[in-house]
Structure formats: structure tokens, C-alpha cells
Amino acid sequence: MKLLQPLCALVFLLACSTSNASVLQDECKSFAAGHPDIGYAYCIKFFKADKGSAGADKRGLAAIAVKITAAAAKSAAKDIASLRASEKDKRRLECLRACAEVYSSAVSEAAVAARGIASGSGSGAEDAATALSAVVDAPTTCEQGFQELHVLSPLAAVDAEFGKAASVALSVTAAL
């Protein structure tokens, strides 16, 4: 009988681990169904940036996604600041200023989303999803200025990557 107790505990731990891994897989499958252009593999890769995602529940995954997205917004803001410091063209400088504003707002909205998720309430999750809807728009808004000038954006790669990250965060949060 004493031998069965540790075995039962091990089976329980493995079941929980498998269950949480399937939460991640299920969330990424759901994401991929709605975002086939980004896909399942990207979603899994996105969450691998945080070791806690493998054992997280849905709320935990949403919190992790927002944390990763907030860090990406801060990184984009730093890239924009560097570009602004060296840009001489007034029109491109104005585009970069607008991009700085939208990414600064994205950082703020990600903080709102994090608080909403942390609250654990349904209304908090709704607030988080609303905030993340604004975050998802940041790269598109940034790119529009460059498109209107008919110039290549120096932020195209940053904006594309951030758009994918923000889409994952919104999708997982909206599923709460």
C-alpha cells in the first residue's frame, strides 16, 4: 500500500502536467484557427519565451502573453527612439514620432490588460481584451504613416513581429 501512494502522486503530477500542456496546445490551436496566416507553430514559439507557459492555465497564459507583448512594445519603443535620434528627414521623423506615440500607448494599454487579467474577474478579462484591441492596432497605425509617404518603413519587421505577438495576446485573453 505504501508503494502505491508515491505512484499515485506521480500519476497525478503527470496528469496535471499533461493537462496544462494541452491547455497551451488547445489555446494555440484555437489561435491558429482564427489566424492561419500566423499559425500554430508561431503561437507555441511565442509562449516558449516564458518557461511558465508550459504549466499555465488559460488565465496564466493570458498573463504571460500580455507580459511578452508589453516587453515587445517597450523594445519597439527603444528601436524607434534610436531611429529618431539619427533621422534627418522631417517627414520620416514625423512618422517615427507618431510610431513612438502608438507604441507608448501600447505599453500603457498592456499594463491595463495585465491588471484586468490579474483581477481574476470577468469584467477584468473584458477590460483586458478591450485594451489589447488597441495594442493590436499599434503596428498598423505606425506603418500607415510610411505608406502615405510612399517610403519604406524602417520598422516593418518590428511592426510585423509585434502585430503577431499582440494578436496572440488578444486571442488568448478574449478566450477567458
C-alpha atoms as a PDB file:
ATOM      1  CA  MET A   1       0.000   0.000   0.000  1.00  0.00           C
ATOM      2  CA  LYS A   2       2.825   2.390   0.849  1.00  0.00           C
ATOM      3  CA  LEU A   3       4.305   1.797  -2.599  1.00  0.00           C
ATOM      4  CA  LEU A   4       1.042   2.854  -4.255  1.00  0.00           C
ATOM      5  CA  GLN A   5       0.930   6.281  -2.591  1.00  0.00           C
ATOM      6  CA  PRO A   6       4.054   7.671  -4.331  1.00  0.00           C
ATOM      7  CA  LEU A   7       2.945   6.064  -7.578  1.00  0.00           C
ATOM      8  CA  CYS A   8      -0.474   7.726  -7.327  1.00  0.00           C
ATOM      9  CA  ALA A   9       1.175  11.085  -6.615  1.00  0.00           C
ATOM     10  CA  LEU A  10       3.426  10.674  -9.662  1.00  0.00           C
ATOM     11  CA  VAL A  11       0.472   9.778 -11.888  1.00  0.00           C
ATOM     12  CA  PHE A  12      -1.421  12.820 -10.579  1.00  0.00           C
ATOM     13  CA  LEU A  13       1.533  15.147 -11.281  1.00  0.00           C
ATOM     14  CA  LEU A  14       1.971  13.757 -14.780  1.00  0.00           C
ATOM     15  CA  ALA A  15      -1.740  14.145 -15.459  1.00  0.00           C
ATOM     16  CA  CYS A  16      -1.651  17.767 -14.309  1.00  0.00           C
ATOM     17  CA  SER A  17       1.431  18.480 -16.393  1.00  0.00           C
ATOM     18  CA  THR A  18      -0.120  16.889 -19.465  1.00  0.00           C
ATOM     19  CA  SER A  19      -3.365  18.741 -18.802  1.00  0.00           C
ATOM     20  CA  ASN A  20      -1.618  22.121 -18.641  1.00  0.00           C
ATOM     21  CA  ALA A  21       0.448  21.343 -21.725  1.00  0.00           C
ATOM     22  CA  SER A  22      -2.784  20.571 -23.512  1.00  0.00           C
ATOM     23  CA  VAL A  23      -4.159  23.951 -22.378  1.00  0.00           C
ATOM     24  CA  LEU A  24      -1.266  25.607 -24.219  1.00  0.00           C
ATOM     25  CA  GLN A  25      -1.774  23.378 -27.248  1.00  0.00           C
ATOM     26  CA  ASP A  26      -5.534  23.958 -27.230  1.00  0.00           C
ATOM     27  CA  GLU A  27      -5.102  27.727 -26.990  1.00  0.00           C
ATOM     28  CA  CYS A  28      -2.588  27.722 -29.844  1.00  0.00           C
ATOM     29  CA  LYS A  29      -4.867  25.512 -31.973  1.00  0.00           C
ATOM     30  CA  SER A  30      -7.713  27.913 -31.342  1.00  0.00           C
ATOM     31  CA  PHE A  31      -5.463  30.867 -32.175  1.00  0.00           C
ATOM     32  CA  ALA A  32      -4.243  29.223 -35.383  1.00  0.00           C
ATOM     33  CA  ALA A  33      -7.824  28.529 -36.497  1.00  0.00           C
ATOM     34  CA  GLY A  34      -8.567  32.247 -36.338  1.00  0.00           C
ATOM     35  CA  HIS A  35      -5.141  33.356 -37.589  1.00  0.00           C
ATOM     36  CA  PRO A  36      -3.975  30.836 -40.190  1.00  0.00           C
ATOM     37  CA  ASP A  37      -1.537  33.401 -41.589  1.00  0.00           C
ATOM     38  CA  ILE A  38       0.334  33.388 -38.254  1.00  0.00           C
ATOM     39  CA  GLY A  39      -0.339  29.807 -37.237  1.00  0.00           C
ATOM     40  CA  TYR A  40       0.090  27.240 -34.517  1.00  0.00           C
ATOM     41  CA  ALA A  41       3.890  26.967 -34.679  1.00  0.00           C
ATOM     42  CA  TYR A  42       4.297  30.698 -34.091  1.00  0.00           C
ATOM     43  CA  CYS A  43       1.950  30.559 -31.104  1.00  0.00           C
ATOM     44  CA  ILE A  44       3.898  27.714 -29.491  1.00  0.00           C
ATOM     45  CA  LYS A  45       7.209  29.508 -30.203  1.00  0.00           C
ATOM     46  CA  PHE A  46       5.777  32.719 -28.748  1.00  0.00           C
ATOM     47  CA  PHE A  47       4.923  31.023 -25.455  1.00  0.00           C
ATOM     48  CA  LYS A  48       8.252  29.195 -25.253  1.00  0.00           C
ATOM     49  CA  ALA A  49       9.769  32.595 -24.437  1.00  0.00           C
ATOM     50  CA  ASP A  50       8.370  32.084 -20.926  1.00  0.00           C
ATOM     51  CA  LYS A  51       9.058  28.791 -19.158  1.00  0.00           C
ATOM     52  CA  GLY A  52       5.914  29.175 -17.057  1.00  0.00           C
ATOM     53  CA  SER A  53       3.679  28.786 -20.094  1.00  0.00           C
ATOM     54  CA  ALA A  54       4.091  25.005 -20.225  1.00  0.00           C
ATOM     55  CA  GLY A  55       2.251  24.582 -16.929  1.00  0.00           C
ATOM     56  CA  ALA A  56      -0.073  27.585 -17.099  1.00  0.00           C
ATOM     57  CA  ASP A  57      -3.836  27.567 -17.168  1.00  0.00           C
ATOM     58  CA  LYS A  58      -5.810  29.857 -19.506  1.00  0.00           C
ATOM     59  CA  ARG A  59      -5.537  32.897 -17.231  1.00  0.00           C
ATOM     60  CA  GLY A  60      -1.843  32.236 -16.743  1.00  0.00           C
ATOM     61  CA  LEU A  61      -1.304  32.033 -20.499  1.00  0.00           C
ATOM     62  CA  ALA A  62      -3.119  35.340 -20.964  1.00  0.00           C
ATOM     63  CA  ALA A  63      -0.922  36.971 -18.312  1.00  0.00           C
ATOM     64  CA  ILE A  64       2.210  35.561 -19.939  1.00  0.00           C
ATOM     65  CA  ALA A  65       1.096  36.709 -23.391  1.00  0.00           C
ATOM     66  CA  VAL A  66       0.491  40.232 -22.119  1.00  0.00           C
ATOM     67  CA  LYS A  67       3.875  40.272 -20.364  1.00  0.00           C
ATOM     68  CA  ILE A  68       5.664  39.181 -23.559  1.00  0.00           C
ATOM     69  CA  THR A  69       3.706  41.701 -25.635  1.00  0.00           C
ATOM     70  CA  ALA A  70       4.447  44.542 -23.206  1.00  0.00           C
ATOM     71  CA  ALA A  71       8.161  43.719 -23.394  1.00  0.00           C
ATOM     72  CA  ALA A  72       7.943  43.708 -27.205  1.00  0.00           C
ATOM     73  CA  ALA A  73       6.233  47.131 -27.150  1.00  0.00           C
ATOM     74  CA  LYS A  74       8.981  48.510 -24.898  1.00  0.00           C
ATOM     75  CA  SER A  75      11.624  47.074 -27.213  1.00  0.00           C
ATOM     76  CA  ALA A  76       9.917  48.619 -30.243  1.00  0.00           C
ATOM     77  CA  ALA A  77       9.804  51.974 -28.453  1.00  0.00           C
ATOM     78  CA  LYS A  78      13.573  51.764 -27.868  1.00  0.00           C
ATOM     79  CA  ASP A  79      14.146  50.937 -31.544  1.00  0.00           C
ATOM     80  CA  ILE A  80      12.027  53.921 -32.537  1.00  0.00           C
ATOM     81  CA  ALA A  81      13.946  56.225 -30.184  1.00  0.00           C
ATOM     82  CA  SER A  82      17.219  55.117 -31.774  1.00  0.00           C
ATOM     83  CA  LEU A  83      15.869  55.725 -35.257  1.00  0.00           C
ATOM     84  CA  ARG A  84      14.541  59.142 -34.290  1.00  0.00           C
ATOM     85  CA  ALA A  85      17.919  60.162 -32.916  1.00  0.00           C
ATOM     86  CA  SER A  86      19.581  59.581 -36.281  1.00  0.00           C
ATOM     87  CA  GLU A  87      16.793  60.555 -38.696  1.00  0.00           C
ATOM     88  CA  LYS A  88      17.339  63.766 -40.696  1.00  0.00           C
ATOM     89  CA  ASP A  89      14.297  63.730 -42.976  1.00  0.00           C
ATOM     90  CA  LYS A  90      11.462  65.738 -41.388  1.00  0.00           C
ATOM     91  CA  ARG A  91       8.678  63.657 -42.900  1.00  0.00           C
ATOM     92  CA  ARG A  92      10.173  60.347 -41.776  1.00  0.00           C
ATOM     93  CA  LEU A  93      10.897  61.901 -38.399  1.00  0.00           C
ATOM     94  CA  GLU A  94       7.213  62.791 -38.072  1.00  0.00           C
ATOM     95  CA  CYS A  95       6.263  59.188 -38.877  1.00  0.00           C
ATOM     96  CA  LEU A  96       8.675  57.958 -36.240  1.00  0.00           C
ATOM     97  CA  ARG A  97       7.185  60.388 -33.728  1.00  0.00           C
ATOM     98  CA  ALA A  98       3.724  59.018 -34.446  1.00  0.00           C
ATOM     99  CA  CYS A  99       5.058  55.462 -34.076  1.00  0.00           C
ATOM    100  CA  ALA A 100       6.626  56.395 -30.736  1.00  0.00           C
ATOM    101  CA  GLU A 101       3.225  57.612 -29.551  1.00  0.00           C
ATOM    102  CA  VAL A 102       1.355  54.473 -30.587  1.00  0.00           C
ATOM    103  CA  TYR A 103       3.932  52.179 -29.005  1.00  0.00           C
ATOM    104  CA  SER A 104       3.947  54.249 -25.825  1.00  0.00           C
ATOM    105  CA  SER A 105       0.185  53.839 -25.770  1.00  0.00           C
ATOM    106  CA  ALA A 106       0.603  50.100 -26.410  1.00  0.00           C
ATOM    107  CA  VAL A 107       2.815  49.832 -23.313  1.00  0.00           C
ATOM    108  CA  SER A 108       0.157  51.627 -21.255  1.00  0.00           C
ATOM    109  CA  GLU A 109      -2.678  49.516 -22.646  1.00  0.00           C
ATOM    110  CA  ALA A 110      -0.706  46.324 -21.971  1.00  0.00           C
ATOM    111  CA  ALA A 111      -0.457  47.413 -18.336  1.00  0.00           C
ATOM    112  CA  VAL A 112      -4.233  47.886 -18.268  1.00  0.00           C
ATOM    113  CA  ALA A 113      -4.635  44.407 -19.748  1.00  0.00           C
ATOM    114  CA  ALA A 114      -2.291  42.891 -17.164  1.00  0.00           C
ATOM    115  CA  ARG A 115      -4.299  44.432 -14.327  1.00  0.00           C
ATOM    116  CA  GLY A 116      -7.556  43.197 -15.844  1.00  0.00           C
ATOM    117  CA  ILE A 117      -6.268  39.644 -16.121  1.00  0.00           C
ATOM    118  CA  ALA A 118      -4.775  39.743 -12.619  1.00  0.00           C
ATOM    119  CA  SER A 119      -8.132  40.807 -11.182  1.00  0.00           C
ATOM    120  CA  GLY A 120      -9.484  37.364 -11.990  1.00  0.00           C
ATOM    121  CA  SER A 121     -12.919  38.768 -12.754  1.00  0.00           C
ATOM    122  CA  GLY A 122     -14.986  38.534 -15.905  1.00  0.00           C
ATOM    123  CA  SER A 123     -15.115  42.307 -16.224  1.00  0.00           C
ATOM    124  CA  GLY A 124     -11.337  42.444 -15.751  1.00  0.00           C
ATOM    125  CA  ALA A 125     -10.886  39.997 -18.611  1.00  0.00           C
ATOM    126  CA  GLU A 126     -13.209  42.109 -20.763  1.00  0.00           C
ATOM    127  CA  ASP A 127     -11.215  45.238 -19.906  1.00  0.00           C
ATOM    128  CA  ALA A 128      -8.027  43.376 -20.801  1.00  0.00           C
ATOM    129  CA  ALA A 129      -9.416  42.315 -24.175  1.00  0.00           C
ATOM    130  CA  THR A 130     -10.536  45.868 -24.908  1.00  0.00           C
ATOM    131  CA  ALA A 131      -7.092  47.223 -24.032  1.00  0.00           C
ATOM    132  CA  LEU A 132      -5.405  44.587 -26.185  1.00  0.00           C
ATOM    133  CA  SER A 133      -7.631  45.514 -29.122  1.00  0.00           C
ATOM    134  CA  ALA A 134      -5.927  48.905 -29.076  1.00  0.00           C
ATOM    135  CA  VAL A 135      -2.499  47.266 -28.736  1.00  0.00           C
ATOM    136  CA  VAL A 136      -3.093  45.142 -31.844  1.00  0.00           C
ATOM    137  CA  ASP A 137      -3.617  48.323 -33.881  1.00  0.00           C
ATOM    138  CA  ALA A 138      -0.216  49.838 -32.993  1.00  0.00           C
ATOM    139  CA  PRO A 139       1.855  48.350 -35.828  1.00  0.00           C
ATOM    140  CA  THR A 140      -0.765  49.077 -38.484  1.00  0.00           C
ATOM    141  CA  THR A 141      -1.067  52.673 -37.323  1.00  0.00           C
ATOM    142  CA  CYS A 142       2.704  53.031 -37.337  1.00  0.00           C
ATOM    143  CA  GLU A 143       3.066  51.616 -40.842  1.00  0.00           C
ATOM    144  CA  GLN A 144       0.315  53.824 -42.303  1.00  0.00           C
ATOM    145  CA  GLY A 145       2.419  56.959 -41.983  1.00  0.00           C
ATOM    146  CA  PHE A 146       5.235  55.475 -44.028  1.00  0.00           C
ATOM    147  CA  GLN A 147       2.796  54.138 -46.611  1.00  0.00           C
ATOM    148  CA  GLU A 148       1.255  57.587 -47.010  1.00  0.00           C
ATOM    149  CA  LEU A 149       4.732  58.986 -47.711  1.00  0.00           C
ATOM    150  CA  HIS A 150       5.435  56.144 -50.135  1.00  0.00           C
ATOM    151  CA  VAL A 151       8.662  55.279 -48.338  1.00  0.00           C
ATOM    152  CA  LEU A 152       9.905  52.026 -46.896  1.00  0.00           C
ATOM    153  CA  SER A 153       9.339  51.748 -43.215  1.00  0.00           C
ATOM    154  CA  PRO A 154      12.439  51.157 -41.097  1.00  0.00           C
ATOM    155  CA  LEU A 155      10.081  49.460 -38.627  1.00  0.00           C
ATOM    156  CA  ALA A 156       8.418  46.978 -40.986  1.00  0.00           C
ATOM    157  CA  ALA A 157       9.988  43.903 -39.373  1.00  0.00           C
ATOM    158  CA  VAL A 158       9.420  45.207 -35.832  1.00  0.00           C
ATOM    159  CA  ASP A 159       5.809  46.074 -36.633  1.00  0.00           C
ATOM    160  CA  ALA A 160       5.149  42.688 -38.255  1.00  0.00           C
ATOM    161  CA  GLU A 161       6.555  40.766 -35.293  1.00  0.00           C
ATOM    162  CA  PHE A 162       4.751  42.943 -32.770  1.00  0.00           C
ATOM    163  CA  GLY A 163       1.468  42.513 -34.654  1.00  0.00           C
ATOM    164  CA  LYS A 164       1.758  38.731 -34.372  1.00  0.00           C
ATOM    165  CA  ALA A 165       2.597  38.885 -30.662  1.00  0.00           C
ATOM    166  CA  ALA A 166      -0.275  41.250 -29.902  1.00  0.00           C
ATOM    167  CA  SER A 167      -2.650  39.010 -31.865  1.00  0.00           C
ATOM    168  CA  VAL A 168      -1.701  36.018 -29.714  1.00  0.00           C
ATOM    169  CA  ALA A 169      -2.204  38.052 -26.537  1.00  0.00           C
ATOM    170  CA  LEU A 170      -5.624  39.299 -27.657  1.00  0.00           C
ATOM    171  CA  SER A 171      -6.786  35.870 -28.791  1.00  0.00           C
ATOM    172  CA  VAL A 172      -5.806  34.115 -25.562  1.00  0.00           C
ATOM    173  CA  THR A 173      -7.230  36.906 -23.414  1.00  0.00           C
ATOM    174  CA  ALA A 174     -10.506  37.090 -25.336  1.00  0.00           C
ATOM    175  CA  ALA A 175     -10.962  33.343 -24.661  1.00  0.00           C
ATOM    176  CA  LEU A 176     -11.068  33.871 -20.876  1.00  0.00           C
END
